[in-house]
């Protein structure tokens, strides 16, 4: 994780900084995503990059809180 907003991503940033939190929108339960919405099985079935169906499952999980619509509820405190 990058230590600040100005640290460049990649090896140039020192300590191989590869990601940073820009904005927290929602926190979901992994069980909802992987099992209830089927992301794990989708990943296995697609088997190779770019995983378009799996990407859509991930998007839907964060776009809605209604499980019947592919969403997962926010579990933030």
PDB file of N, CA and C in Angstrom:
ATOM      1  N   UNK A   1       0.846  -1.187   0.000  1.00  0.00           N
ATOM      2  CA  UNK A   1       0.000   0.000   0.000  1.00  0.00           C
ATOM      3  C   UNK A   1       0.884   1.240   0.000  1.00  0.00           C
ATOM      4  N   UNK A   2       0.507   2.203  -0.801  1.00  0.00           N
ATOM      5  CA  UNK A   2       1.220   3.475  -0.822  1.00  0.00           C
ATOM      6  C   UNK A   2       0.982   4.188   0.507  1.00  0.00           C
ATOM      7  N   UNK A   3       1.978   4.911   0.950  1.00  0.00           N
ATOM      8  CA  UNK A   3       1.864   5.573   2.247  1.00  0.00           C
ATOM      9  C   UNK A   3       1.202   6.943   2.181  1.00  0.00           C
ATOM     10  N   UNK A   4       1.134   7.546   0.983  1.00  0.00           N
ATOM     11  CA  UNK A   4       0.494   8.845   0.849  1.00  0.00           C
ATOM     12  C   UNK A   4       0.048   9.070  -0.590  1.00  0.00           C
ATOM     13  N   UNK A   5      -0.690  10.145  -0.829  1.00  0.00           N
ATOM     14  CA  UNK A   5      -1.250  10.440  -2.160  1.00  0.00           C
ATOM     15  C   UNK A   5      -0.193  10.807  -3.189  1.00  0.00           C
ATOM     16  N   UNK A   6       0.946  11.302  -2.746  1.00  0.00           N
ATOM     17  CA  UNK A   6       1.951  11.772  -3.690  1.00  0.00           C
ATOM     18  C   UNK A   6       2.954  10.696  -4.075  1.00  0.00           C
ATOM     19  N   UNK A   7       3.004   9.610  -3.357  1.00  0.00           N
ATOM     20  CA  UNK A   7       3.946   8.541  -3.678  1.00  0.00           C
ATOM     21  C   UNK A   7       3.547   7.891  -5.002  1.00  0.00           C
ATOM     22  N   UNK A   8       4.461   7.850  -5.983  1.00  0.00           N
ATOM     23  CA  UNK A   8       4.127   7.265  -7.284  1.00  0.00           C
ATOM     24  C   UNK A   8       3.875   5.765  -7.177  1.00  0.00           C
ATOM     25  N   UNK A   9       2.936   5.293  -7.983  1.00  0.00           N
ATOM     26  CA  UNK A   9       2.673   3.864  -8.044  1.00  0.00           C
ATOM     27  C   UNK A   9       3.809   3.167  -8.787  1.00  0.00           C
ATOM     28  N   UNK A  10       4.060   1.926  -8.446  1.00  0.00           N
ATOM     29  CA  UNK A  10       5.084   1.138  -9.118  1.00  0.00           C
ATOM     30  C   UNK A  10       6.429   1.244  -8.423  1.00  0.00           C
ATOM     31  N   UNK A  11       7.456   0.633  -9.008  1.00  0.00           N
ATOM     32  CA  UNK A  11       8.776   0.585  -8.381  1.00  0.00           C
ATOM     33  C   UNK A  11       9.378   1.960  -8.118  1.00  0.00           C
ATOM     34  N   UNK A  12       8.979   2.972  -8.929  1.00  0.00           N
ATOM     35  CA  UNK A  12       9.526   4.316  -8.739  1.00  0.00           C
ATOM     36  C   UNK A  12       9.109   4.908  -7.396  1.00  0.00           C
ATOM     37  N   UNK A  13       8.014   4.402  -6.814  1.00  0.00           N
ATOM     38  CA  UNK A  13       7.513   4.931  -5.561  1.00  0.00           C
ATOM     39  C   UNK A  13       8.272   4.447  -4.351  1.00  0.00           C
ATOM     40  N   UNK A  14       9.208   3.546  -4.548  1.00  0.00           N
ATOM     41  CA  UNK A  14       9.938   2.985  -3.419  1.00  0.00           C
ATOM     42  C   UNK A  14       9.093   1.940  -2.715  1.00  0.00           C
ATOM     43  N   UNK A  15       9.717   0.917  -2.269  1.00  0.00           N
ATOM     44  CA  UNK A  15       9.021  -0.179  -1.596  1.00  0.00           C
ATOM     45  C   UNK A  15       7.905  -0.780  -2.453  1.00  0.00           C
ATOM     46  N   UNK A  16       8.005  -0.617  -3.773  1.00  0.00           N
ATOM     47  CA  UNK A  16       7.041  -1.194  -4.713  1.00  0.00           C
ATOM     48  C   UNK A  16       5.592  -0.877  -4.365  1.00  0.00           C
ATOM     49  N   UNK A  17       5.295   0.369  -4.160  1.00  0.00           N
ATOM     50  CA  UNK A  17       3.936   0.840  -3.887  1.00  0.00           C
ATOM     51  C   UNK A  17       3.060   0.530  -5.091  1.00  0.00           C
ATOM     52  N   UNK A  18       1.990  -0.265  -4.894  1.00  0.00           N
ATOM     53  CA  UNK A  18       1.155  -0.659  -6.026  1.00  0.00           C
ATOM     54  C   UNK A  18      -0.307  -0.263  -5.883  1.00  0.00           C
ATOM     55  N   UNK A  19      -0.741   0.156  -4.699  1.00  0.00           N
ATOM     56  CA  UNK A  19      -2.144   0.544  -4.540  1.00  0.00           C
ATOM     57  C   UNK A  19      -2.304   1.516  -3.377  1.00  0.00           C
ATOM     58  N   UNK A  20      -3.430   2.233  -3.409  1.00  0.00           N
ATOM     59  CA  UNK A  20      -3.770   3.153  -2.317  1.00  0.00           C
ATOM     60  C   UNK A  20      -5.277   3.276  -2.244  1.00  0.00           C
ATOM     61  N   UNK A  21      -5.776   3.620  -1.093  1.00  0.00           N
ATOM     62  CA  UNK A  21      -7.205   3.851  -0.925  1.00  0.00           C
ATOM     63  C   UNK A  21      -7.500   5.271  -1.401  1.00  0.00           C
ATOM     64  N   UNK A  22      -8.365   5.384  -2.392  1.00  0.00           N
ATOM     65  CA  UNK A  22      -8.749   6.691  -2.909  1.00  0.00           C
ATOM     66  C   UNK A  22     -10.025   7.139  -2.215  1.00  0.00           C
ATOM     67  N   UNK A  23     -10.993   6.248  -2.135  1.00  0.00           N
ATOM     68  CA  UNK A  23     -12.267   6.550  -1.503  1.00  0.00           C
ATOM     69  C   UNK A  23     -12.931   5.237  -1.111  1.00  0.00           C
ATOM     70  N   UNK A  24     -13.428   5.145   0.105  1.00  0.00           N
ATOM     71  CA  UNK A  24     -14.146   3.955   0.539  1.00  0.00           C
ATOM     72  C   UNK A  24     -15.630   4.189   0.278  1.00  0.00           C
ATOM     73  N   UNK A  25     -16.212   3.331  -0.549  1.00  0.00           N
ATOM     74  CA  UNK A  25     -17.625   3.466  -0.879  1.00  0.00           C
ATOM     75  C   UNK A  25     -18.497   2.487  -0.110  1.00  0.00           C
ATOM     76  N   UNK A  26     -17.995   1.262   0.056  1.00  0.00           N
ATOM     77  CA  UNK A  26     -18.817   0.212   0.631  1.00  0.00           C
ATOM     78  C   UNK A  26     -17.914  -0.952   1.029  1.00  0.00           C
ATOM     79  N   UNK A  27     -18.259  -1.638   2.095  1.00  0.00           N
ATOM     80  CA  UNK A  27     -17.567  -2.850   2.505  1.00  0.00           C
ATOM     81  C   UNK A  27     -18.576  -3.980   2.474  1.00  0.00           C
ATOM     82  N   UNK A  28     -18.223  -5.077   1.783  1.00  0.00           N
ATOM     83  CA  UNK A  28     -19.139  -6.209   1.682  1.00  0.00           C
ATOM     84  C   UNK A  28     -18.501  -7.460   2.272  1.00  0.00           C
ATOM     85  N   UNK A  29     -19.333  -8.418   2.603  1.00  0.00           N
ATOM     86  CA  UNK A  29     -18.889  -9.695   3.134  1.00  0.00           C
ATOM     87  C   UNK A  29     -18.420 -10.576   1.980  1.00  0.00           C
ATOM     88  N   UNK A  30     -17.265 -11.203   2.132  1.00  0.00           N
ATOM     89  CA  UNK A  30     -16.721 -12.070   1.095  1.00  0.00           C
ATOM     90  C   UNK A  30     -17.619 -13.254   0.785  1.00  0.00           C
ATOM     91  N   UNK A  31     -18.329 -13.757   1.781  1.00  0.00           N
ATOM     92  CA  UNK A  31     -19.240 -14.878   1.555  1.00  0.00           C
ATOM     93  C   UNK A  31     -20.355 -14.480   0.611  1.00  0.00           C
ATOM     94  N   UNK A  32     -20.863 -13.278   0.756  1.00  0.00           N
ATOM     95  CA  UNK A  32     -21.904 -12.793  -0.148  1.00  0.00           C
ATOM     96  C   UNK A  32     -21.378 -12.772  -1.576  1.00  0.00           C
ATOM     97  N   UNK A  33     -20.207 -12.204  -1.761  1.00  0.00           N
ATOM     98  CA  UNK A  33     -19.637 -12.066  -3.094  1.00  0.00           C
ATOM     99  C   UNK A  33     -19.259 -13.421  -3.704  1.00  0.00           C
ATOM    100  N   UNK A  34     -18.473 -14.190  -2.974  1.00  0.00           N
ATOM    101  CA  UNK A  34     -17.925 -15.427  -3.526  1.00  0.00           C
ATOM    102  C   UNK A  34     -18.938 -16.556  -3.633  1.00  0.00           C
ATOM    103  N   UNK A  35     -19.782 -16.695  -2.622  1.00  0.00           N
ATOM    104  CA  UNK A  35     -20.708 -17.822  -2.606  1.00  0.00           C
ATOM    105  C   UNK A  35     -22.115 -17.442  -3.049  1.00  0.00           C
ATOM    106  N   UNK A  36     -22.717 -16.469  -2.373  1.00  0.00           N
ATOM    107  CA  UNK A  36     -24.104 -16.115  -2.691  1.00  0.00           C
ATOM    108  C   UNK A  36     -24.249 -15.564  -4.109  1.00  0.00           C
ATOM    109  N   UNK A  37     -23.313 -14.730  -4.535  1.00  0.00           N
ATOM    110  CA  UNK A  37     -23.396 -14.156  -5.879  1.00  0.00           C
ATOM    111  C   UNK A  37     -22.616 -14.969  -6.917  1.00  0.00           C
ATOM    112  N   UNK A  38     -21.892 -15.981  -6.476  1.00  0.00           N
ATOM    113  CA  UNK A  38     -21.262 -16.925  -7.383  1.00  0.00           C
ATOM    114  C   UNK A  38     -19.971 -16.484  -8.049  1.00  0.00           C
ATOM    115  N   UNK A  39     -19.265 -15.532  -7.450  1.00  0.00           N
ATOM    116  CA  UNK A  39     -18.046 -15.045  -8.085  1.00  0.00           C
ATOM    117  C   UNK A  39     -16.974 -16.135  -8.188  1.00  0.00           C
ATOM    118  N   UNK A  40     -16.828 -16.949  -7.164  1.00  0.00           N
ATOM    119  CA  UNK A  40     -15.810 -17.997  -7.191  1.00  0.00           C
ATOM    120  C   UNK A  40     -16.076 -18.990  -8.326  1.00  0.00           C
ATOM    121  N   UNK A  41     -17.294 -19.478  -8.429  1.00  0.00           N
ATOM    122  CA  UNK A  41     -17.636 -20.425  -9.499  1.00  0.00           C
ATOM    123  C   UNK A  41     -17.506 -19.786 -10.879  1.00  0.00           C
ATOM    124  N   UNK A  42     -17.849 -18.514 -10.977  1.00  0.00           N
ATOM    125  CA  UNK A  42     -17.723 -17.811 -12.245  1.00  0.00           C
ATOM    126  C   UNK A  42     -16.260 -17.713 -12.661  1.00  0.00           C
ATOM    127  N   UNK A  43     -15.402 -17.404 -11.722  1.00  0.00           N
ATOM    128  CA  UNK A  43     -13.971 -17.294 -11.982  1.00  0.00           C
ATOM    129  C   UNK A  43     -13.424 -18.628 -12.494  1.00  0.00           C
ATOM    130  N   UNK A  44     -13.817 -19.694 -11.836  1.00  0.00           N
ATOM    131  CA  UNK A  44     -13.370 -21.029 -12.231  1.00  0.00           C
ATOM    132  C   UNK A  44     -13.894 -21.373 -13.619  1.00  0.00           C
ATOM    133  N   UNK A  45     -15.166 -21.081 -13.875  1.00  0.00           N
ATOM    134  CA  UNK A  45     -15.777 -21.405 -15.165  1.00  0.00           C
ATOM    135  C   UNK A  45     -15.145 -20.619 -16.311  1.00  0.00           C
ATOM    136  N   UNK A  46     -14.864 -19.332 -16.086  1.00  0.00           N
ATOM    137  CA  UNK A  46     -14.269 -18.517 -17.153  1.00  0.00           C
ATOM    138  C   UNK A  46     -12.812 -18.911 -17.390  1.00  0.00           C
ATOM    139  N   UNK A  47     -12.098 -19.158 -16.312  1.00  0.00           N
ATOM    140  CA  UNK A  47     -10.760 -19.705 -16.405  1.00  0.00           C
ATOM    141  C   UNK A  47      -9.634 -18.834 -16.928  1.00  0.00           C
ATOM    142  N   UNK A  48      -9.913 -17.717 -17.558  1.00  0.00           N
ATOM    143  CA  UNK A  48      -8.828 -16.920 -18.119  1.00  0.00           C
ATOM    144  C   UNK A  48      -9.230 -15.448 -18.212  1.00  0.00           C
ATOM    145  N   UNK A  49      -8.239 -14.600 -18.117  1.00  0.00           N
ATOM    146  CA  UNK A  49      -8.408 -13.155 -18.224  1.00  0.00           C
ATOM    147  C   UNK A  49      -9.095 -12.816 -19.541  1.00  0.00           C
ATOM    148  N   UNK A  50     -10.001 -11.882 -19.626  1.00  0.00           N
ATOM    149  CA  UNK A  50     -10.302 -10.801 -18.702  1.00  0.00           C
ATOM    150  C   UNK A  50     -11.503 -11.049 -17.794  1.00  0.00           C
ATOM    151  N   UNK A  51     -12.087 -12.243 -17.749  1.00  0.00           N
ATOM    152  CA  UNK A  51     -13.172 -12.588 -16.833  1.00  0.00           C
ATOM    153  C   UNK A  51     -14.372 -11.636 -16.906  1.00  0.00           C
ATOM    154  N   UNK A  52     -14.995 -11.411 -18.050  1.00  0.00           N
ATOM    155  CA  UNK A  52     -16.079 -10.431 -18.156  1.00  0.00           C
ATOM    156  C   UNK A  52     -17.293 -10.739 -17.270  1.00  0.00           C
ATOM    157  N   UNK A  53     -17.701 -11.994 -17.175  1.00  0.00           N
ATOM    158  CA  UNK A  53     -18.853 -12.335 -16.329  1.00  0.00           C
ATOM    159  C   UNK A  53     -18.515 -12.136 -14.856  1.00  0.00           C
ATOM    160  N   UNK A  54     -17.302 -12.507 -14.480  1.00  0.00           N
ATOM    161  CA  UNK A  54     -16.856 -12.350 -13.096  1.00  0.00           C
ATOM    162  C   UNK A  54     -16.743 -10.873 -12.729  1.00  0.00           C
ATOM    163  N   UNK A  55     -16.262 -10.062 -13.656  1.00  0.00           N
ATOM    164  CA  UNK A  55     -16.179  -8.617 -13.421  1.00  0.00           C
ATOM    165  C   UNK A  55     -17.564  -8.038 -13.163  1.00  0.00           C
ATOM    166  N   UNK A  56     -18.553  -8.501 -13.909  1.00  0.00           N
ATOM    167  CA  UNK A  56     -19.920  -7.994 -13.737  1.00  0.00           C
ATOM    168  C   UNK A  56     -20.477  -8.383 -12.373  1.00  0.00           C
ATOM    169  N   UNK A  57     -20.164  -9.592 -11.915  1.00  0.00           N
ATOM    170  CA  UNK A  57     -20.605 -10.031 -10.586  1.00  0.00           C
ATOM    171  C   UNK A  57     -20.020  -9.104  -9.519  1.00  0.00           C
ATOM    172  N   UNK A  58     -18.744  -8.781  -9.640  1.00  0.00           N
ATOM    173  CA  UNK A  58     -18.093  -7.886  -8.681  1.00  0.00           C
ATOM    174  C   UNK A  58     -18.727  -6.501  -8.723  1.00  0.00           C
ATOM    175  N   UNK A  59     -18.946  -5.975  -9.907  1.00  0.00           N
ATOM    176  CA  UNK A  59     -19.583  -4.665 -10.054  1.00  0.00           C
ATOM    177  C   UNK A  59     -20.965  -4.659  -9.404  1.00  0.00           C
ATOM    178  N   UNK A  60     -21.774  -5.675  -9.704  1.00  0.00           N
ATOM    179  CA  UNK A  60     -23.137  -5.748  -9.164  1.00  0.00           C
ATOM    180  C   UNK A  60     -23.149  -5.826  -7.645  1.00  0.00           C
ATOM    181  N   UNK A  61     -22.195  -6.545  -7.084  1.00  0.00           N
ATOM    182  CA  UNK A  61     -22.133  -6.707  -5.628  1.00  0.00           C
ATOM    183  C   UNK A  61     -21.975  -5.362  -4.929  1.00  0.00           C
ATOM    184  N   UNK A  62     -21.227  -4.462  -5.546  1.00  0.00           N
ATOM    185  CA  UNK A  62     -21.019  -3.142  -4.947  1.00  0.00           C
ATOM    186  C   UNK A  62     -22.066  -2.121  -5.385  1.00  0.00           C
ATOM    187  N   UNK A  63     -22.730  -2.364  -6.503  1.00  0.00           N
ATOM    188  CA  UNK A  63     -23.701  -1.410  -7.036  1.00  0.00           C
ATOM    189  C   UNK A  63     -25.040  -1.455  -6.314  1.00  0.00           C
ATOM    190  N   UNK A  64     -25.339  -2.575  -5.668  1.00  0.00           N
ATOM    191  CA  UNK A  64     -26.634  -2.727  -5.014  1.00  0.00           C
ATOM    192  C   UNK A  64     -26.451  -3.409  -3.662  1.00  0.00           C
ATOM    193  N   UNK A  65     -27.398  -3.211  -2.781  1.00  0.00           N
ATOM    194  CA  UNK A  65     -27.400  -3.916  -1.496  1.00  0.00           C
ATOM    195  C   UNK A  65     -28.428  -5.034  -1.484  1.00  0.00           C
ATOM    196  N   UNK A  66     -29.160  -5.180  -2.570  1.00  0.00           N
ATOM    197  CA  UNK A  66     -30.217  -6.183  -2.671  1.00  0.00           C
ATOM    198  C   UNK A  66     -29.649  -7.460  -3.277  1.00  0.00           C
ATOM    199  N   UNK A  67     -29.602  -8.531  -2.485  1.00  0.00           N
ATOM    200  CA  UNK A  67     -28.979  -9.762  -2.960  1.00  0.00           C
ATOM    201  C   UNK A  67     -29.697 -10.359  -4.165  1.00  0.00           C
ATOM    202  N   UNK A  68     -31.015 -10.205  -4.245  1.00  0.00           N
ATOM    203  CA  UNK A  68     -31.745 -10.757  -5.385  1.00  0.00           C
ATOM    204  C   UNK A  68     -31.420 -10.038  -6.696  1.00  0.00           C
ATOM    205  N   UNK A  69     -30.781  -8.864  -6.601  1.00  0.00           N
ATOM    206  CA  UNK A  69     -30.353  -8.104  -7.783  1.00  0.00           C
ATOM    207  C   UNK A  69     -28.855  -8.224  -8.009  1.00  0.00           C
ATOM    208  N   UNK A  70     -28.228  -9.190  -7.317  1.00  0.00           N
ATOM    209  CA  UNK A  70     -26.785  -9.398  -7.486  1.00  0.00           C
ATOM    210  C   UNK A  70     -25.944  -8.583  -6.534  1.00  0.00           C
ATOM    211  N   UNK A  71     -26.583  -7.828  -5.647  1.00  0.00           N
ATOM    212  CA  UNK A  71     -25.850  -6.975  -4.718  1.00  0.00           C
ATOM    213  C   UNK A  71     -25.507  -7.657  -3.419  1.00  0.00           C
ATOM    214  N   UNK A  72     -24.671  -6.993  -2.647  1.00  0.00           N
ATOM    215  CA  UNK A  72     -24.312  -7.439  -1.308  1.00  0.00           C
ATOM    216  C   UNK A  72     -24.498  -6.248  -0.363  1.00  0.00           C
ATOM    217  N   UNK A  73     -25.059  -6.499   0.817  1.00  0.00           N
ATOM    218  CA  UNK A  73     -25.279  -5.391   1.748  1.00  0.00           C
ATOM    219  C   UNK A  73     -23.967  -4.824   2.295  1.00  0.00           C
ATOM    220  N   UNK A  74     -23.992  -3.550   2.601  1.00  0.00           N
ATOM    221  CA  UNK A  74     -22.847  -2.873   3.215  1.00  0.00           C
ATOM    222  C   UNK A  74     -22.724  -3.374   4.656  1.00  0.00           C
ATOM    223  N   UNK A  75     -21.514  -3.787   5.042  1.00  0.00           N
ATOM    224  CA  UNK A  75     -21.318  -4.262   6.420  1.00  0.00           C
ATOM    225  C   UNK A  75     -20.472  -3.295   7.248  1.00  0.00           C
ATOM    226  N   UNK A  76     -20.329  -2.059   6.770  1.00  0.00           N
ATOM    227  CA  UNK A  76     -19.578  -1.062   7.515  1.00  0.00           C
ATOM    228  C   UNK A  76     -20.215  -0.821   8.874  1.00  0.00           C
ATOM    229  N   UNK A  77     -19.378  -0.585   9.880  1.00  0.00           N
ATOM    230  CA  UNK A  77     -19.936  -0.334  11.226  1.00  0.00           C
ATOM    231  C   UNK A  77     -20.729   0.950  11.288  1.00  0.00           C
TER     232      UNK A  77
END
